[in-house]
Amino acid sequence: MRVVWVLVAALCLSGCASAPPQPDLRQYFADNNAAAAAGPRAQEEFFRRTQHPDFADSTCELGDLTVHLDPAWSTLRPDPGFAAGGVVPRGEIWAVGVEVTTRANGSATGHQIGSQHLVVLDGRTFGFAPCPQ
């Protein structure tokens, strides 16, 4: 009978485990949008500085483009199964729905809704720089 109670307790604990606490990612998006407002070179520097260290050699030149990101916070969720190019980045992986607006020379060139993956590693927030096609 004791074995049954141990199993029930273990199942209850594993089923009742809570998700990790949501990180505060607002500064990442505020810094991204401030860099976009400052222009393509400022935003390229932002993307280089915040590129996940496992993918430091995977940045792209934006040319004349800037990328404004507007997150939908109610969609923020952990995404531990995410892999970029088949590689799972180190850290705590999060996904959030975003509205993306690209601009060139001050004019909107694109607008779409998608998911943005961010990773919290050693207390810092990292992303994955976009590469325009």
N, C-alpha and C. Protein backbone atom coordinates (compact mmCIF):
# COMPACT_ATOMS: atom_id res chain seq x y z
N MET A 1 0.82 -1.18 0.00
CA MET A 1 0.00 0.00 0.00
C MET A 1 0.88 1.26 0.00
N ARG A 2 1.99 1.19 0.73
CA ARG A 2 2.88 2.35 0.80
C ARG A 2 3.44 2.69 -0.58
N VAL A 3 3.74 1.66 -1.38
CA VAL A 3 4.27 1.87 -2.73
C VAL A 3 3.25 2.63 -3.57
N VAL A 4 1.98 2.30 -3.41
CA VAL A 4 0.92 2.98 -4.16
C VAL A 4 0.90 4.47 -3.80
N TRP A 5 1.00 4.80 -2.54
CA TRP A 5 0.98 6.20 -2.12
C TRP A 5 2.21 6.95 -2.63
N VAL A 6 3.33 6.30 -2.64
CA VAL A 6 4.55 6.93 -3.16
C VAL A 6 4.37 7.22 -4.64
N LEU A 7 3.82 6.26 -5.39
CA LEU A 7 3.59 6.47 -6.81
C LEU A 7 2.57 7.59 -7.06
N VAL A 8 1.49 7.60 -6.29
CA VAL A 8 0.48 8.65 -6.43
C VAL A 8 1.09 10.01 -6.13
N ALA A 9 1.88 10.08 -5.08
CA ALA A 9 2.52 11.35 -4.73
C ALA A 9 3.48 11.79 -5.83
N ALA A 10 4.25 10.86 -6.38
CA ALA A 10 5.19 11.21 -7.44
C ALA A 10 4.45 11.70 -8.68
N LEU A 11 3.36 11.04 -9.05
CA LEU A 11 2.58 11.47 -10.20
C LEU A 11 1.96 12.84 -9.97
N CYS A 12 1.45 13.04 -8.79
CA CYS A 12 0.86 14.34 -8.48
C CYS A 12 1.89 15.44 -8.55
N LEU A 13 3.06 15.21 -7.99
CA LEU A 13 4.11 16.22 -8.01
C LEU A 13 4.59 16.50 -9.42
N SER A 14 4.73 15.47 -10.22
CA SER A 14 5.20 15.71 -11.59
C SER A 14 4.11 16.37 -12.42
N GLY A 15 2.86 16.03 -12.18
CA GLY A 15 1.77 16.65 -12.91
C GLY A 15 1.47 18.06 -12.44
N CYS A 16 1.85 18.38 -11.23
CA CYS A 16 1.56 19.68 -10.66
C CYS A 16 2.75 20.63 -10.76
N ALA A 17 3.81 20.17 -11.37
CA ALA A 17 5.00 21.03 -11.48
C ALA A 17 4.65 22.27 -12.29
N SER A 18 5.10 23.40 -11.84
CA SER A 18 4.77 24.64 -12.54
C SER A 18 5.81 24.95 -13.60
N ALA A 19 5.39 25.75 -14.56
CA ALA A 19 6.31 26.20 -15.61
C ALA A 19 7.33 27.15 -14.98
N PRO A 20 8.48 27.32 -15.64
CA PRO A 20 9.46 28.25 -15.08
C PRO A 20 8.88 29.66 -15.06
N PRO A 21 9.31 30.49 -14.11
CA PRO A 21 8.78 31.85 -14.06
C PRO A 21 9.16 32.61 -15.33
N GLN A 22 8.23 33.42 -15.81
CA GLN A 22 8.49 34.16 -17.04
C GLN A 22 9.53 35.25 -16.80
N PRO A 23 10.50 35.31 -17.70
CA PRO A 23 11.52 36.36 -17.56
C PRO A 23 10.95 37.70 -18.04
N ASP A 24 11.57 38.77 -17.66
CA ASP A 24 11.17 40.09 -18.12
C ASP A 24 12.00 40.41 -19.36
N LEU A 25 11.37 40.30 -20.50
CA LEU A 25 12.06 40.50 -21.78
C LEU A 25 11.77 41.87 -22.39
N ARG A 26 11.07 42.73 -21.64
CA ARG A 26 10.67 44.03 -22.19
C ARG A 26 11.86 44.88 -22.61
N GLN A 27 12.97 44.82 -21.86
CA GLN A 27 14.12 45.66 -22.20
C GLN A 27 14.72 45.27 -23.54
N TYR A 28 14.73 43.98 -23.84
CA TYR A 28 15.26 43.53 -25.13
C TYR A 28 14.49 44.20 -26.27
N PHE A 29 13.16 44.18 -26.19
CA PHE A 29 12.35 44.77 -27.26
C PHE A 29 12.46 46.30 -27.28
N ALA A 30 12.55 46.92 -26.10
CA ALA A 30 12.73 48.38 -26.05
C ALA A 30 14.07 48.77 -26.68
N ASP A 31 15.13 48.03 -26.37
CA ASP A 31 16.44 48.31 -26.94
C ASP A 31 16.46 48.06 -28.45
N ASN A 32 15.80 46.99 -28.89
CA ASN A 32 15.71 46.72 -30.32
C ASN A 32 15.03 47.88 -31.05
N ASN A 33 13.90 48.31 -30.53
CA ASN A 33 13.15 49.36 -31.22
C ASN A 33 13.85 50.71 -31.16
N ALA A 34 14.59 50.97 -30.07
CA ALA A 34 15.39 52.20 -30.01
C ALA A 34 16.51 52.16 -31.05
N ALA A 35 17.12 50.99 -31.20
CA ALA A 35 18.18 50.84 -32.22
C ALA A 35 17.59 50.99 -33.62
N ALA A 36 16.40 50.43 -33.85
CA ALA A 36 15.75 50.57 -35.16
C ALA A 36 15.48 52.04 -35.46
N ALA A 37 15.04 52.79 -34.45
CA ALA A 37 14.75 54.21 -34.64
C ALA A 37 16.03 54.99 -34.94
N ALA A 38 17.16 54.51 -34.44
CA ALA A 38 18.45 55.18 -34.67
C ALA A 38 19.04 54.84 -36.04
N GLY A 39 18.51 53.81 -36.70
CA GLY A 39 18.97 53.49 -38.05
C GLY A 39 19.59 52.12 -38.18
N PRO A 40 19.84 51.71 -39.43
CA PRO A 40 20.35 50.36 -39.71
C PRO A 40 21.67 50.02 -39.02
N ARG A 41 22.61 50.93 -38.96
CA ARG A 41 23.91 50.60 -38.33
C ARG A 41 23.74 50.37 -36.84
N ALA A 42 22.92 51.20 -36.19
CA ALA A 42 22.66 51.02 -34.75
C ALA A 42 21.96 49.68 -34.50
N GLN A 43 21.06 49.33 -35.39
CA GLN A 43 20.37 48.07 -35.19
C GLN A 43 21.28 46.88 -35.46
N GLU A 44 22.14 46.97 -36.45
CA GLU A 44 23.11 45.89 -36.67
C GLU A 44 23.99 45.69 -35.45
N GLU A 45 24.40 46.78 -34.82
CA GLU A 45 25.21 46.68 -33.60
C GLU A 45 24.41 46.02 -32.48
N PHE A 46 23.14 46.40 -32.34
CA PHE A 46 22.28 45.77 -31.33
C PHE A 46 22.21 44.26 -31.58
N PHE A 47 21.97 43.86 -32.83
CA PHE A 47 21.87 42.44 -33.14
C PHE A 47 23.20 41.71 -32.88
N ARG A 48 24.31 42.33 -33.17
CA ARG A 48 25.61 41.70 -32.89
C ARG A 48 25.80 41.51 -31.38
N ARG A 49 25.44 42.55 -30.62
CA ARG A 49 25.63 42.54 -29.17
C ARG A 49 24.71 41.52 -28.48
N THR A 50 23.53 41.31 -29.04
CA THR A 50 22.55 40.42 -28.39
C THR A 50 22.42 39.07 -29.06
N GLN A 51 23.26 38.80 -30.07
CA GLN A 51 23.21 37.50 -30.74
C GLN A 51 23.63 36.41 -29.75
N HIS A 52 22.88 35.31 -29.71
CA HIS A 52 23.21 34.21 -28.80
C HIS A 52 24.66 33.79 -29.06
N PRO A 53 25.45 33.60 -28.00
CA PRO A 53 26.87 33.28 -28.18
C PRO A 53 27.13 31.99 -28.96
N ASP A 54 26.20 31.04 -28.94
CA ASP A 54 26.38 29.81 -29.72
C ASP A 54 26.25 30.06 -31.22
N PHE A 55 25.74 31.24 -31.58
CA PHE A 55 25.49 31.57 -32.99
C PHE A 55 26.13 32.92 -33.35
N ALA A 56 27.22 33.25 -32.67
CA ALA A 56 27.85 34.56 -32.86
C ALA A 56 28.30 34.81 -34.29
N ASP A 57 28.58 33.75 -35.02
CA ASP A 57 29.03 33.93 -36.41
C ASP A 57 27.87 33.90 -37.40
N SER A 58 26.64 33.97 -36.91
CA SER A 58 25.46 33.88 -37.77
C SER A 58 24.69 35.20 -37.83
N THR A 59 25.38 36.30 -38.00
CA THR A 59 24.69 37.58 -38.15
C THR A 59 24.70 37.97 -39.62
N CYS A 60 23.83 38.90 -39.97
CA CYS A 60 23.69 39.34 -41.36
C CYS A 60 23.73 40.86 -41.43
N GLU A 61 24.11 41.36 -42.57
CA GLU A 61 24.04 42.80 -42.82
C GLU A 61 22.60 43.13 -43.17
N LEU A 62 22.10 44.21 -42.62
CA LEU A 62 20.71 44.60 -42.88
C LEU A 62 20.57 45.52 -44.08
N GLY A 63 21.68 46.03 -44.56
CA GLY A 63 21.57 47.01 -45.64
C GLY A 63 20.88 48.26 -45.11
N ASP A 64 19.85 48.70 -45.78
CA ASP A 64 19.10 49.89 -45.35
C ASP A 64 17.90 49.55 -44.47
N LEU A 65 17.74 48.29 -44.11
CA LEU A 65 16.55 47.87 -43.35
C LEU A 65 16.71 48.07 -41.84
N THR A 66 15.58 48.35 -41.20
CA THR A 66 15.46 48.27 -39.75
C THR A 66 14.26 47.38 -39.44
N VAL A 67 14.27 46.80 -38.25
CA VAL A 67 13.24 45.84 -37.86
C VAL A 67 12.64 46.28 -36.52
N HIS A 68 11.37 46.68 -36.55
CA HIS A 68 10.65 47.07 -35.34
C HIS A 68 9.84 45.86 -34.89
N LEU A 69 9.93 45.51 -33.61
CA LEU A 69 9.24 44.34 -33.06
C LEU A 69 8.25 44.76 -31.99
N ASP A 70 7.01 44.31 -32.13
CA ASP A 70 5.96 44.60 -31.16
C ASP A 70 5.44 43.27 -30.61
N PRO A 71 5.90 42.88 -29.40
CA PRO A 71 5.52 41.56 -28.85
C PRO A 71 4.09 41.53 -28.32
N ALA A 72 3.48 40.37 -28.43
CA ALA A 72 2.17 40.09 -27.82
C ALA A 72 2.46 39.29 -26.56
N TRP A 73 2.56 39.99 -25.42
CA TRP A 73 3.03 39.36 -24.18
C TRP A 73 2.19 38.19 -23.73
N SER A 74 0.91 38.17 -24.07
CA SER A 74 0.06 37.06 -23.63
C SER A 74 0.47 35.74 -24.29
N THR A 75 1.31 35.79 -25.32
CA THR A 75 1.74 34.57 -26.01
C THR A 75 3.08 34.04 -25.51
N LEU A 76 3.73 34.73 -24.58
CA LEU A 76 5.04 34.31 -24.08
C LEU A 76 4.96 32.93 -23.44
N ARG A 77 5.85 32.04 -23.89
CA ARG A 77 5.83 30.67 -23.40
C ARG A 77 7.23 30.06 -23.48
N PRO A 78 7.53 29.10 -22.61
CA PRO A 78 8.81 28.40 -22.74
C PRO A 78 8.78 27.52 -23.99
N ASP A 79 9.92 27.36 -24.64
CA ASP A 79 10.01 26.53 -25.84
C ASP A 79 11.33 25.76 -25.82
N PRO A 80 11.47 24.82 -24.87
CA PRO A 80 12.74 24.12 -24.71
C PRO A 80 13.13 23.25 -25.90
N GLY A 81 12.20 22.94 -26.79
CA GLY A 81 12.50 22.11 -27.94
C GLY A 81 12.99 22.88 -29.15
N PHE A 82 13.09 24.20 -29.05
CA PHE A 82 13.52 25.02 -30.19
C PHE A 82 14.97 24.73 -30.55
N ALA A 83 15.22 24.65 -31.84
CA ALA A 83 16.58 24.48 -32.35
C ALA A 83 16.76 25.41 -33.54
N ALA A 84 17.89 26.07 -33.60
CA ALA A 84 18.22 26.93 -34.73
C ALA A 84 19.23 26.18 -35.59
N GLY A 85 18.86 25.89 -36.82
CA GLY A 85 19.76 25.13 -37.69
C GLY A 85 20.12 23.77 -37.12
N GLY A 86 19.21 23.16 -36.37
CA GLY A 86 19.46 21.85 -35.79
C GLY A 86 20.22 21.87 -34.48
N VAL A 87 20.56 23.06 -33.98
CA VAL A 87 21.31 23.19 -32.73
C VAL A 87 20.42 23.83 -31.67
N VAL A 88 20.30 23.17 -30.53
CA VAL A 88 19.54 23.73 -29.40
C VAL A 88 20.47 24.67 -28.65
N PRO A 89 20.10 25.95 -28.56
CA PRO A 89 20.98 26.90 -27.87
C PRO A 89 21.00 26.65 -26.36
N ARG A 90 22.13 26.97 -25.74
CA ARG A 90 22.23 26.89 -24.29
C ARG A 90 21.33 27.96 -23.69
N GLY A 91 20.76 27.68 -22.53
CA GLY A 91 19.96 28.66 -21.80
C GLY A 91 18.48 28.29 -21.78
N GLU A 92 17.72 29.19 -21.22
CA GLU A 92 16.28 29.01 -21.08
C GLU A 92 15.61 29.66 -22.29
N ILE A 93 14.96 28.85 -23.13
CA ILE A 93 14.42 29.32 -24.41
C ILE A 93 12.95 29.72 -24.25
N TRP A 94 12.64 30.89 -24.78
CA TRP A 94 11.29 31.44 -24.74
C TRP A 94 10.85 31.85 -26.13
N ALA A 95 9.55 31.75 -26.40
CA ALA A 95 8.98 32.20 -27.66
C ALA A 95 7.85 33.17 -27.35
N VAL A 96 7.71 34.17 -28.19
CA VAL A 96 6.63 35.14 -28.04
C VAL A 96 6.18 35.56 -29.44
N GLY A 97 4.89 35.73 -29.60
CA GLY A 97 4.37 36.23 -30.87
C GLY A 97 4.75 37.70 -31.02
N VAL A 98 5.16 38.08 -32.22
CA VAL A 98 5.54 39.46 -32.49
C VAL A 98 4.93 39.94 -33.79
N GLU A 99 4.67 41.23 -33.82
CA GLU A 99 4.32 41.91 -35.05
C GLU A 99 5.61 42.57 -35.52
N VAL A 100 6.03 42.28 -36.73
CA VAL A 100 7.30 42.75 -37.26
C VAL A 100 7.03 43.75 -38.38
N THR A 101 7.68 44.90 -38.27
CA THR A 101 7.60 45.89 -39.34
C THR A 101 9.02 46.21 -39.79
N THR A 102 9.29 46.02 -41.06
CA THR A 102 10.60 46.39 -41.60
C THR A 102 10.45 47.72 -42.32
N ARG A 103 11.51 48.50 -42.24
CA ARG A 103 11.54 49.82 -42.90
C ARG A 103 12.86 49.98 -43.63
N ALA A 104 12.82 50.71 -44.72
CA ALA A 104 14.02 51.11 -45.45
C ALA A 104 13.88 52.60 -45.75
N ASN A 105 14.87 53.36 -45.34
CA ASN A 105 14.84 54.81 -45.55
C ASN A 105 13.56 55.46 -45.03
N GLY A 106 13.07 54.96 -43.89
CA GLY A 106 11.90 55.54 -43.25
C GLY A 106 10.56 55.05 -43.76
N SER A 107 10.53 54.27 -44.82
CA SER A 107 9.27 53.77 -45.37
C SER A 107 9.09 52.29 -45.04
N ALA A 108 7.88 51.92 -44.66
CA ALA A 108 7.59 50.52 -44.36
C ALA A 108 7.75 49.68 -45.62
N THR A 109 8.48 48.59 -45.50
CA THR A 109 8.70 47.69 -46.64
C THR A 109 8.09 46.31 -46.40
N GLY A 110 7.73 46.02 -45.16
CA GLY A 110 7.14 44.73 -44.85
C GLY A 110 6.47 44.76 -43.50
N HIS A 111 5.48 43.88 -43.36
CA HIS A 111 4.73 43.80 -42.11
C HIS A 111 4.21 42.37 -42.01
N GLN A 112 4.54 41.70 -40.90
CA GLN A 112 4.04 40.35 -40.70
C GLN A 112 3.98 40.01 -39.23
N ILE A 113 3.31 38.90 -38.94
CA ILE A 113 3.21 38.39 -37.57
C ILE A 113 3.93 37.05 -37.54
N GLY A 114 4.73 36.84 -36.51
CA GLY A 114 5.47 35.59 -36.39
C GLY A 114 5.86 35.34 -34.96
N SER A 115 6.77 34.43 -34.75
CA SER A 115 7.28 34.12 -33.42
C SER A 115 8.74 34.55 -33.32
N GLN A 116 9.09 35.07 -32.16
CA GLN A 116 10.46 35.47 -31.87
C GLN A 116 10.96 34.57 -30.75
N HIS A 117 12.12 33.97 -30.94
CA HIS A 117 12.74 33.17 -29.88
C HIS A 117 13.83 33.99 -29.21
N LEU A 118 13.80 33.98 -27.90
CA LEU A 118 14.83 34.62 -27.08
C LEU A 118 15.32 33.60 -26.07
N VAL A 119 16.55 33.78 -25.63
CA VAL A 119 17.15 32.85 -24.69
C VAL A 119 17.75 33.63 -23.54
N VAL A 120 17.41 33.21 -22.34
CA VAL A 120 18.02 33.80 -21.14
C VAL A 120 19.16 32.87 -20.74
N LEU A 121 20.38 33.43 -20.74
CA LEU A 121 21.58 32.66 -20.43
C LEU A 121 22.46 33.51 -19.53
N ASP A 122 22.79 32.99 -18.37
CA ASP A 122 23.63 33.71 -17.41
C ASP A 122 23.07 35.10 -17.09
N GLY A 123 21.75 35.19 -16.99
CA GLY A 123 21.10 36.45 -16.61
C GLY A 123 20.97 37.47 -17.74
N ARG A 124 21.39 37.13 -18.94
CA ARG A 124 21.29 38.04 -20.09
C ARG A 124 20.31 37.48 -21.10
N THR A 125 19.69 38.37 -21.85
CA THR A 125 18.75 37.97 -22.90
C THR A 125 19.44 38.03 -24.25
N PHE A 126 19.37 36.94 -24.98
CA PHE A 126 19.97 36.84 -26.31
C PHE A 126 18.90 36.48 -27.33
N GLY A 127 19.14 36.87 -28.55
CA GLY A 127 18.23 36.54 -29.64
C GLY A 127 18.99 35.97 -30.81
N PHE A 128 18.35 36.01 -31.95
CA PHE A 128 18.91 35.49 -33.19
C PHE A 128 18.65 36.54 -34.26
N ALA A 129 19.73 37.13 -34.76
CA ALA A 129 19.62 38.23 -35.70
C ALA A 129 18.88 37.79 -36.97
N PRO A 130 17.99 38.64 -37.46
CA PRO A 130 17.28 38.31 -38.70
C PRO A 130 18.21 38.46 -39.90
N CYS A 131 17.96 37.69 -40.92
CA CYS A 131 18.72 37.78 -42.15
C CYS A 131 17.74 38.02 -43.30
N PRO A 132 17.68 39.24 -43.80
CA PRO A 132 16.76 39.53 -44.90
C PRO A 132 17.12 38.71 -46.13
N GLN A 133 16.11 38.27 -46.82
CA GLN A 133 16.32 37.48 -48.04
C GLN A 133 16.43 38.36 -49.24
